[in-house]
Amino acid sequence: MVITVKLIGILRHAAGAGELILDHKGTISMKELMGELTRKLPALTRSLIDTQPEDPAPNALIFVNGREISILNGLNTIVKDGTEVVLVPVVHGG
């Protein structure tokens, strides 16, 4: 199964690429996919995962086939063959 992951902004810089093609056997949840991404590209960990409480969602908006995961099944959203995932960093300022 092939999954396309598009990285925007600082995530692109951290990964060294704007797009990743992942080959995975069977289906995978977004939570599992985020774990796989950070294992393969540790430079993404700081940008994707809030170390308190280690939840991958707070530091990025996650879109699956153009739909934000909060309107799907959150991190339990199942990713299938041909899915496009887009990760957009959340920018905070003050």
PDB file of N, CA and C in Angstrom:
ATOM      1  N   MET A   1       0.853  -1.170   0.000  1.00  0.00           N
ATOM      2  CA  MET A   1       0.000   0.000   0.000  1.00  0.00           C
ATOM      3  C   MET A   1       0.896   1.229   0.000  1.00  0.00           C
ATOM      4  N   VAL A   2       0.543   2.208  -0.812  1.00  0.00           N
ATOM      5  CA  VAL A   2       1.338   3.430  -0.943  1.00  0.00           C
ATOM      6  C   VAL A   2       0.566   4.605  -0.349  1.00  0.00           C
ATOM      7  N   ILE A   3       1.248   5.371   0.514  1.00  0.00           N
ATOM      8  CA  ILE A   3       0.683   6.558   1.148  1.00  0.00           C
ATOM      9  C   ILE A   3       1.587   7.733   0.799  1.00  0.00           C
ATOM     10  N   THR A   4       0.998   8.823   0.320  1.00  0.00           N
ATOM     11  CA  THR A   4       1.760  10.036   0.035  1.00  0.00           C
ATOM     12  C   THR A   4       1.594  10.984   1.211  1.00  0.00           C
ATOM     13  N   VAL A   5       2.723  11.457   1.745  1.00  0.00           N
ATOM     14  CA  VAL A   5       2.700  12.410   2.848  1.00  0.00           C
ATOM     15  C   VAL A   5       3.329  13.697   2.356  1.00  0.00           C
ATOM     16  N   LYS A   6       2.543  14.777   2.371  1.00  0.00           N
ATOM     17  CA  LYS A   6       3.050  16.087   1.974  1.00  0.00           C
ATOM     18  C   LYS A   6       3.334  16.898   3.231  1.00  0.00           C
ATOM     19  N   LEU A   7       4.492  17.528   3.241  1.00  0.00           N
ATOM     20  CA  LEU A   7       4.949  18.296   4.398  1.00  0.00           C
ATOM     21  C   LEU A   7       5.025  19.766   4.037  1.00  0.00           C
ATOM     22  N   ILE A   8       4.465  20.600   4.885  1.00  0.00           N
ATOM     23  CA  ILE A   8       4.402  22.037   4.640  1.00  0.00           C
ATOM     24  C   ILE A   8       5.306  22.772   5.637  1.00  0.00           C
ATOM     25  N   GLY A   9       5.889  23.886   5.191  1.00  0.00           N
ATOM     26  CA  GLY A   9       6.653  24.777   6.067  1.00  0.00           C
ATOM     27  C   GLY A   9       7.838  24.125   6.746  1.00  0.00           C
ATOM     28  N   ILE A  10       7.929  24.318   8.050  1.00  0.00           N
ATOM     29  CA  ILE A  10       9.062  23.817   8.827  1.00  0.00           C
ATOM     30  C   ILE A  10       9.161  22.297   8.771  1.00  0.00           C
ATOM     31  N   LEU A  11       8.046  21.619   8.560  1.00  0.00           N
ATOM     32  CA  LEU A  11       8.075  20.164   8.459  1.00  0.00           C
ATOM     33  C   LEU A  11       8.838  19.732   7.215  1.00  0.00           C
ATOM     34  N   ARG A  12       8.675  20.474   6.131  1.00  0.00           N
ATOM     35  CA  ARG A  12       9.419  20.205   4.894  1.00  0.00           C
ATOM     36  C   ARG A  12      10.914  20.351   5.148  1.00  0.00           C
ATOM     37  N   HIS A  13      11.269  21.413   5.841  1.00  0.00           N
ATOM     38  CA  HIS A  13      12.677  21.660   6.161  1.00  0.00           C
ATOM     39  C   HIS A  13      13.234  20.549   7.064  1.00  0.00           C
ATOM     40  N   ALA A  14      12.489  20.160   8.090  1.00  0.00           N
ATOM     41  CA  ALA A  14      12.950  19.131   9.028  1.00  0.00           C
ATOM     42  C   ALA A  14      13.144  17.779   8.343  1.00  0.00           C
ATOM     43  N   ALA A  15      12.267  17.465   7.388  1.00  0.00           N
ATOM     44  CA  ALA A  15      12.350  16.177   6.694  1.00  0.00           C
ATOM     45  C   ALA A  15      13.330  16.203   5.525  1.00  0.00           C
ATOM     46  N   GLY A  16      13.647  17.403   5.056  1.00  0.00           N
ATOM     47  CA  GLY A  16      14.526  17.520   3.899  1.00  0.00           C
ATOM     48  C   GLY A  16      13.819  17.214   2.584  1.00  0.00           C
ATOM     49  N   ALA A  17      12.479  17.181   2.632  1.00  0.00           N
ATOM     50  CA  ALA A  17      11.685  16.911   1.430  1.00  0.00           C
ATOM     51  C   ALA A  17      10.275  17.428   1.648  1.00  0.00           C
ATOM     52  N   GLY A  18       9.619  17.799   0.579  1.00  0.00           N
ATOM     53  CA  GLY A  18       8.247  18.277   0.667  1.00  0.00           C
ATOM     54  C   GLY A  18       7.223  17.164   0.537  1.00  0.00           C
ATOM     55  N   GLU A  19       7.679  15.994   0.090  1.00  0.00           N
ATOM     56  CA  GLU A  19       6.759  14.879  -0.101  1.00  0.00           C
ATOM     57  C   GLU A  19       7.488  13.569   0.178  1.00  0.00           C
ATOM     58  N   LEU A  20       6.807  12.694   0.875  1.00  0.00           N
ATOM     59  CA  LEU A  20       7.341  11.368   1.176  1.00  0.00           C
ATOM     60  C   LEU A  20       6.356  10.334   0.654  1.00  0.00           C
ATOM     61  N   ILE A  21       6.875   9.262   0.119  1.00  0.00           N
ATOM     62  CA  ILE A  21       6.046   8.147  -0.317  1.00  0.00           C
ATOM     63  C   ILE A  21       6.361   6.987   0.618  1.00  0.00           C
ATOM     64  N   LEU A  22       5.348   6.536   1.349  1.00  0.00           N
ATOM     65  CA  LEU A  22       5.533   5.437   2.285  1.00  0.00           C
ATOM     66  C   LEU A  22       4.870   4.185   1.734  1.00  0.00           C
ATOM     67  N   ASP A  23       5.577   3.090   1.813  1.00  0.00           N
ATOM     68  CA  ASP A  23       5.027   1.808   1.397  1.00  0.00           C
ATOM     69  C   ASP A  23       4.776   1.011   2.670  1.00  0.00           C
ATOM     70  N   HIS A  24       3.524   0.640   2.896  1.00  0.00           N
ATOM     71  CA  HIS A  24       3.145  -0.029   4.135  1.00  0.00           C
ATOM     72  C   HIS A  24       2.256  -1.214   3.812  1.00  0.00           C
ATOM     73  N   LYS A  25       2.430  -2.288   4.555  1.00  0.00           N
ATOM     74  CA  LYS A  25       1.572  -3.465   4.360  1.00  0.00           C
ATOM     75  C   LYS A  25       0.304  -3.299   5.182  1.00  0.00           C
ATOM     76  N   GLY A  26      -0.838  -3.517   4.568  1.00  0.00           N
ATOM     77  CA  GLY A  26      -2.115  -3.436   5.268  1.00  0.00           C
ATOM     78  C   GLY A  26      -2.518  -2.010   5.587  1.00  0.00           C
ATOM     79  N   THR A  27      -3.588  -1.866   6.356  1.00  0.00           N
ATOM     80  CA  THR A  27      -4.049  -0.541   6.758  1.00  0.00           C
ATOM     81  C   THR A  27      -3.299  -0.085   7.997  1.00  0.00           C
ATOM     82  N   ILE A  28      -3.355   1.220   8.241  1.00  0.00           N
ATOM     83  CA  ILE A  28      -2.641   1.803   9.373  1.00  0.00           C
ATOM     84  C   ILE A  28      -3.460   3.002   9.862  1.00  0.00           C
ATOM     85  N   SER A  29      -3.459   3.233  11.157  1.00  0.00           N
ATOM     86  CA  SER A  29      -4.143   4.415  11.696  1.00  0.00           C
ATOM     87  C   SER A  29      -3.221   5.620  11.593  1.00  0.00           C
ATOM     88  N   MET A  30      -3.798   6.810  11.672  1.00  0.00           N
ATOM     89  CA  MET A  30      -2.977   8.025  11.632  1.00  0.00           C
ATOM     90  C   MET A  30      -2.004   8.047  12.804  1.00  0.00           C
ATOM     91  N   LYS A  31      -2.413   7.587  13.962  1.00  0.00           N
ATOM     92  CA  LYS A  31      -1.514   7.559  15.115  1.00  0.00           C
ATOM     93  C   LYS A  31      -0.308   6.671  14.826  1.00  0.00           C
ATOM     94  N   GLU A  32      -0.543   5.500  14.238  1.00  0.00           N
ATOM     95  CA  GLU A  32       0.551   4.595  13.876  1.00  0.00           C
ATOM     96  C   GLU A  32       1.423   5.215  12.794  1.00  0.00           C
ATOM     97  N   LEU A  33       0.799   5.891  11.838  1.00  0.00           N
ATOM     98  CA  LEU A  33       1.551   6.539  10.764  1.00  0.00           C
ATOM     99  C   LEU A  33       2.452   7.639  11.319  1.00  0.00           C
ATOM    100  N   MET A  34       1.928   8.420  12.257  1.00  0.00           N
ATOM    101  CA  MET A  34       2.744   9.478  12.874  1.00  0.00           C
ATOM    102  C   MET A  34       3.937   8.870  13.601  1.00  0.00           C
ATOM    103  N   GLY A  35       3.722   7.760  14.290  1.00  0.00           N
ATOM    104  CA  GLY A  35       4.820   7.071  14.966  1.00  0.00           C
ATOM    105  C   GLY A  35       5.861   6.574  13.982  1.00  0.00           C
ATOM    106  N   GLU A  36       5.402   6.019  12.866  1.00  0.00           N
ATOM    107  CA  GLU A  36       6.308   5.535  11.833  1.00  0.00           C
ATOM    108  C   GLU A  36       7.120   6.681  11.232  1.00  0.00           C
ATOM    109  N   LEU A  37       6.467   7.805  10.972  1.00  0.00           N
ATOM    110  CA  LEU A  37       7.167   8.971  10.424  1.00  0.00           C
ATOM    111  C   LEU A  37       8.261   9.462  11.356  1.00  0.00           C
ATOM    112  N   THR A  38       7.949   9.556  12.638  1.00  0.00           N
ATOM    113  CA  THR A  38       8.946  10.078  13.579  1.00  0.00           C
ATOM    114  C   THR A  38      10.064   9.078  13.845  1.00  0.00           C
ATOM    115  N   ARG A  39       9.797   7.789  13.687  1.00  0.00           N
ATOM    116  CA  ARG A  39      10.876   6.797  13.810  1.00  0.00           C
ATOM    117  C   ARG A  39      11.809   6.878  12.607  1.00  0.00           C
ATOM    118  N   LYS A  40      11.229   7.034  11.405  1.00  0.00           N
ATOM    119  CA  LYS A  40      12.039   7.102  10.190  1.00  0.00           C
ATOM    120  C   LYS A  40      12.764   8.440  10.058  1.00  0.00           C
ATOM    121  N   LEU A  41      12.120   9.514  10.521  1.00  0.00           N
ATOM    122  CA  LEU A  41      12.687  10.862  10.412  1.00  0.00           C
ATOM    123  C   LEU A  41      12.628  11.544  11.782  1.00  0.00           C
ATOM    124  N   PRO A  42      13.562  11.215  12.666  1.00  0.00           N
ATOM    125  CA  PRO A  42      13.531  11.780  14.023  1.00  0.00           C
ATOM    126  C   PRO A  42      13.508  13.308  14.057  1.00  0.00           C
ATOM    127  N   ALA A  43      13.997  13.960  13.012  1.00  0.00           N
ATOM    128  CA  ALA A  43      13.986  15.425  12.975  1.00  0.00           C
ATOM    129  C   ALA A  43      12.557  15.972  12.989  1.00  0.00           C
ATOM    130  N   LEU A  44      11.581  15.161  12.607  1.00  0.00           N
ATOM    131  CA  LEU A  44      10.176  15.592  12.616  1.00  0.00           C
ATOM    132  C   LEU A  44       9.557  15.544  14.012  1.00  0.00           C
ATOM    133  N   THR A  45      10.154  14.771  14.900  1.00  0.00           N
ATOM    134  CA  THR A  45       9.558  14.546  16.215  1.00  0.00           C
ATOM    135  C   THR A  45       9.246  15.840  16.938  1.00  0.00           C
ATOM    136  N   ARG A  46      10.188  16.730  17.006  1.00  0.00           N
ATOM    137  CA  ARG A  46      10.002  17.983  17.742  1.00  0.00           C
ATOM    138  C   ARG A  46       8.879  18.842  17.147  1.00  0.00           C
ATOM    139  N   SER A  47       8.744  18.790  15.831  1.00  0.00           N
ATOM    140  CA  SER A  47       7.718  19.589  15.166  1.00  0.00           C
ATOM    141  C   SER A  47       6.339  18.948  15.200  1.00  0.00           C
ATOM    142  N   LEU A  48       6.264  17.618  15.316  1.00  0.00           N
ATOM    143  CA  LEU A  48       4.984  16.926  15.262  1.00  0.00           C
ATOM    144  C   LEU A  48       4.423  16.523  16.618  1.00  0.00           C
ATOM    145  N   ILE A  49       5.307  16.184  17.545  1.00  0.00           N
ATOM    146  CA  ILE A  49       4.833  15.601  18.795  1.00  0.00           C
ATOM    147  C   ILE A  49       5.067  16.534  19.966  1.00  0.00           C
ATOM    148  N   ASP A  50       3.990  16.831  20.667  1.00  0.00           N
ATOM    149  CA  ASP A  50       4.056  17.606  21.898  1.00  0.00           C
ATOM    150  C   ASP A  50       4.535  16.650  22.983  1.00  0.00           C
ATOM    151  N   THR A  51       5.718  16.894  23.515  1.00  0.00           N
ATOM    152  CA  THR A  51       6.293  15.965  24.489  1.00  0.00           C
ATOM    153  C   THR A  51       5.476  15.872  25.770  1.00  0.00           C
ATOM    154  N   GLN A  52       4.576  16.791  25.986  1.00  0.00           N
ATOM    155  CA  GLN A  52       3.673  16.736  27.129  1.00  0.00           C
ATOM    156  C   GLN A  52       2.257  16.769  26.612  1.00  0.00           C
ATOM    157  N   PRO A  53       1.573  15.784  26.362  1.00  0.00           N
ATOM    158  CA  PRO A  53       1.592  14.366  26.743  1.00  0.00           C
ATOM    159  C   PRO A  53       1.928  13.403  25.604  1.00  0.00           C
ATOM    160  N   GLU A  54       2.824  13.755  24.712  1.00  0.00           N
ATOM    161  CA  GLU A  54       3.237  12.915  23.585  1.00  0.00           C
ATOM    162  C   GLU A  54       2.072  12.592  22.649  1.00  0.00           C
ATOM    163  N   ASP A  55       1.346  13.597  22.278  1.00  0.00           N
ATOM    164  CA  ASP A  55       0.223  13.449  21.356  1.00  0.00           C
ATOM    165  C   ASP A  55       0.611  14.116  20.047  1.00  0.00           C
ATOM    166  N   PRO A  56       0.595  13.397  18.920  1.00  0.00           N
ATOM    167  CA  PRO A  56       1.069  13.979  17.675  1.00  0.00           C
ATOM    168  C   PRO A  56       0.204  15.088  17.089  1.00  0.00           C
ATOM    169  N   ALA A  57      -1.011  15.240  17.521  1.00  0.00           N
ATOM    170  CA  ALA A  57      -1.900  16.215  16.908  1.00  0.00           C
ATOM    171  C   ALA A  57      -1.649  17.673  17.270  1.00  0.00           C
ATOM    172  N   PRO A  58      -1.237  18.033  18.478  1.00  0.00           N
ATOM    173  CA  PRO A  58      -1.202  19.451  18.839  1.00  0.00           C
ATOM    174  C   PRO A  58      -0.298  20.340  17.995  1.00  0.00           C
ATOM    175  N   ASN A  59       0.773  19.815  17.445  1.00  0.00           N
ATOM    176  CA  ASN A  59       1.717  20.656  16.727  1.00  0.00           C
ATOM    177  C   ASN A  59       1.534  20.659  15.216  1.00  0.00           C
ATOM    178  N   ALA A  60       0.484  20.020  14.720  1.00  0.00           N
ATOM    179  CA  ALA A  60       0.253  19.999  13.274  1.00  0.00           C
ATOM    180  C   ALA A  60      -1.223  19.779  12.973  1.00  0.00           C
ATOM    181  N   LEU A  61      -1.669  20.413  11.899  1.00  0.00           N
ATOM    182  CA  LEU A  61      -2.975  20.083  11.345  1.00  0.00           C
ATOM    183  C   LEU A  61      -2.748  18.894  10.421  1.00  0.00           C
ATOM    184  N   ILE A  62      -3.625  17.926  10.497  1.00  0.00           N
ATOM    185  CA  ILE A  62      -3.459  16.704   9.715  1.00  0.00           C
ATOM    186  C   ILE A  62      -4.673  16.548   8.805  1.00  0.00           C
ATOM    187  N   PHE A  63      -4.396  16.487   7.509  1.00  0.00           N
ATOM    188  CA  PHE A  63      -5.451  16.316   6.515  1.00  0.00           C
ATOM    189  C   PHE A  63      -5.283  14.961   5.837  1.00  0.00           C
ATOM    190  N   VAL A  64      -6.375  14.223   5.714  1.00  0.00           N
ATOM    191  CA  VAL A  64      -6.385  12.948   5.003  1.00  0.00           C
ATOM    192  C   VAL A  64      -7.323  13.114   3.814  1.00  0.00           C
ATOM    193  N   ASN A  65      -6.749  13.017   2.635  1.00  0.00           N
ATOM    194  CA  ASN A  65      -7.515  13.224   1.397  1.00  0.00           C
ATOM    195  C   ASN A  65      -8.325  14.518   1.446  1.00  0.00           C
ATOM    196  N   GLY A  66      -7.681  15.584   1.928  1.00  0.00           N
ATOM    197  CA  GLY A  66      -8.289  16.914   1.931  1.00  0.00           C
ATOM    198  C   GLY A  66      -9.216  17.211   3.094  1.00  0.00           C
ATOM    199  N   ARG A  67      -9.380  16.267   4.014  1.00  0.00           N
ATOM    200  CA  ARG A  67     -10.277  16.476   5.157  1.00  0.00           C
ATOM    201  C   ARG A  67      -9.483  16.425   6.453  1.00  0.00           C
ATOM    202  N   GLU A  68      -9.681  17.432   7.296  1.00  0.00           N
ATOM    203  CA  GLU A  68      -8.983  17.500   8.582  1.00  0.00           C
ATOM    204  C   GLU A  68      -9.457  16.337   9.448  1.00  0.00           C
ATOM    205  N   ILE A  69      -8.512  15.677  10.141  1.00  0.00           N
ATOM    206  CA  ILE A  69      -8.857  14.441  10.835  1.00  0.00           C
ATOM    207  C   ILE A  69      -9.858  14.607  11.969  1.00  0.00           C
ATOM    208  N   SER A  70     -10.024  15.815  12.480  1.00  0.00           N
ATOM    209  CA  SER A  70     -11.002  15.995  13.558  1.00  0.00           C
ATOM    210  C   SER A  70     -12.430  15.753  13.070  1.00  0.00           C
ATOM    211  N   ILE A  71     -12.681  15.892  11.768  1.00  0.00           N
ATOM    212  CA  ILE A  71     -14.025  15.604  11.251  1.00  0.00           C
ATOM    213  C   ILE A  71     -14.129  14.154  10.767  1.00  0.00           C
ATOM    214  N   LEU A  72     -13.042  13.447  10.842  1.00  0.00           N
ATOM    215  CA  LEU A  72     -13.046  12.023  10.498  1.00  0.00           C
ATOM    216  C   LEU A  72     -13.082  11.234  11.809  1.00  0.00           C
ATOM    217  N   ASN A  73     -12.044  10.484  12.072  1.00  0.00           N
ATOM    218  CA  ASN A  73     -11.982   9.694  13.303  1.00  0.00           C
ATOM    219  C   ASN A  73     -10.736  10.051  14.111  1.00  0.00           C
ATOM    220  N   GLY A  74     -10.306  11.320  13.995  1.00  0.00           N
ATOM    221  CA  GLY A  74      -9.122  11.770  14.736  1.00  0.00           C
ATOM    222  C   GLY A  74      -7.903  10.925  14.404  1.00  0.00           C
ATOM    223  N   LEU A  75      -7.082  10.665  15.407  1.00  0.00           N
ATOM    224  CA  LEU A  75      -5.871   9.868  15.195  1.00  0.00           C
ATOM    225  C   LEU A  75      -6.186   8.404  14.920  1.00  0.00           C
ATOM    226  N   ASN A  76      -7.423   8.005  15.108  1.00  0.00           N
ATOM    227  CA  ASN A  76      -7.838   6.636  14.795  1.00  0.00           C
ATOM    228  C   ASN A  76      -8.287   6.492  13.340  1.00  0.00           C
ATOM    229  N   THR A  77      -8.214   7.576  12.573  1.00  0.00           N
ATOM    230  CA  THR A  77      -8.565   7.529  11.153  1.00  0.00           C
ATOM    231  C   THR A  77      -7.681   6.502  10.453  1.00  0.00           C
ATOM    232  N   ILE A  78      -8.294   5.613   9.712  1.00  0.00           N
ATOM    233  CA  ILE A  78      -7.557   4.570   9.001  1.00  0.00           C
ATOM    234  C   ILE A  78      -7.088   5.104   7.652  1.00  0.00           C
ATOM    235  N   VAL A  79      -5.818   4.857   7.360  1.00  0.00           N
ATOM    236  CA  VAL A  79      -5.201   5.283   6.113  1.00  0.00           C
ATOM    237  C   VAL A  79      -5.102   4.053   5.209  1.00  0.00           C
ATOM    238  N   LYS A  80      -5.557   4.204   3.979  1.00  0.00           N
ATOM    239  CA  LYS A  80      -5.591   3.093   3.027  1.00  0.00           C
ATOM    240  C   LYS A  80      -4.683   3.390   1.835  1.00  0.00           C
ATOM    241  N   ASP A  81      -4.553   2.411   0.972  1.00  0.00           N
ATOM    242  CA  ASP A  81      -3.743   2.550  -0.223  1.00  0.00           C
ATOM    243  C   ASP A  81      -4.203   3.751  -1.041  1.00  0.00           C
ATOM    244  N   GLY A  82      -3.241   4.566  -1.486  1.00  0.00           N
ATOM    245  CA  GLY A  82      -3.538   5.726  -2.309  1.00  0.00           C
ATOM    246  C   GLY A  82      -3.907   6.978  -1.542  1.00  0.00           C
ATOM    247  N   THR A  83      -3.910   6.900  -0.219  1.00  0.00           N
ATOM    248  CA  THR A  83      -4.271   8.051   0.607  1.00  0.00           C
ATOM    249  C   THR A  83      -3.198   9.129   0.525  1.00  0.00           C
ATOM    250  N   GLU A  84      -3.656  10.396   0.517  1.00  0.00           N
ATOM    251  CA  GLU A  84      -2.750  11.531   0.609  1.00  0.00           C
ATOM    252  C   GLU A  84      -2.932  12.172   1.983  1.00  0.00           C
ATOM    253  N   VAL A  85      -1.831  12.283   2.713  1.00  0.00           N
ATOM    254  CA  VAL A  85      -1.819  12.918   4.029  1.00  0.00           C
ATOM    255  C   VAL A  85      -1.023  14.212   3.896  1.00  0.00           C
ATOM    256  N   VAL A  86      -1.585  15.304   4.409  1.00  0.00           N
ATOM    257  CA  VAL A  86      -0.877  16.583   4.395  1.00  0.00           C
ATOM    258  C   VAL A  86      -0.711  17.028   5.843  1.00  0.00           C
ATOM    259  N   LEU A  87       0.521  17.355   6.214  1.00  0.00           N
ATOM    260  CA  LEU A  87       0.842  17.822   7.565  1.00  0.00           C
ATOM    261  C   LEU A  87       1.225  19.298   7.498  1.00  0.00           C
ATOM    262  N   VAL A  88       0.472  20.112   8.230  1.00  0.00           N
ATOM    263  CA  VAL A  88       0.688  21.564   8.244  1.00  0.00           C
ATOM    264  C   VAL A  88       1.037  21.969   9.672  1.00  0.00           C
ATOM    265  N   PRO A  89       2.222  22.570   9.879  1.00  0.00           N
ATOM    266  CA  PRO A  89       2.598  22.947  11.242  1.00  0.00           C
ATOM    267  C   PRO A  89       1.689  24.063  11.768  1.00  0.00           C
ATOM    268  N   VAL A  90       1.455  24.020  13.061  1.00  0.00           N
ATOM    269  CA  VAL A  90       0.685  25.076  13.722  1.00  0.00           C
ATOM    270  C   VAL A  90       1.702  26.075  14.238  1.00  0.00           C
ATOM    271  N   VAL A  91       1.518  27.328  13.859  1.00  0.00           N
ATOM    272  CA  VAL A  91       2.444  28.388  14.256  1.00  0.00           C
ATOM    273  C   VAL A  91       1.831  29.169  15.410  1.00  0.00           C
ATOM    274  N   HIS A  92       2.613  29.326  16.464  1.00  0.00           N
ATOM    275  CA  HIS A  92       2.148  30.081  17.633  1.00  0.00           C
ATOM    276  C   HIS A  92       3.002  31.348  17.760  1.00  0.00           C
ATOM    277  N   GLY A  93       2.397  32.378  18.202  1.00  0.00           N
ATOM    278  CA  GLY A  93       3.138  33.620  18.395  1.00  0.00           C
ATOM    279  C   GLY A  93       2.551  34.400  19.567  1.00  0.00           C
ATOM    280  N   GLY A  94       3.199  35.440  19.899  1.00  0.00           N
ATOM    281  CA  GLY A  94       2.670  36.175  21.016  1.00  0.00           C
ATOM    282  C   GLY A  94       3.196  37.576  21.084  1.00  0.00           C
TER     283      GLY A  94
END
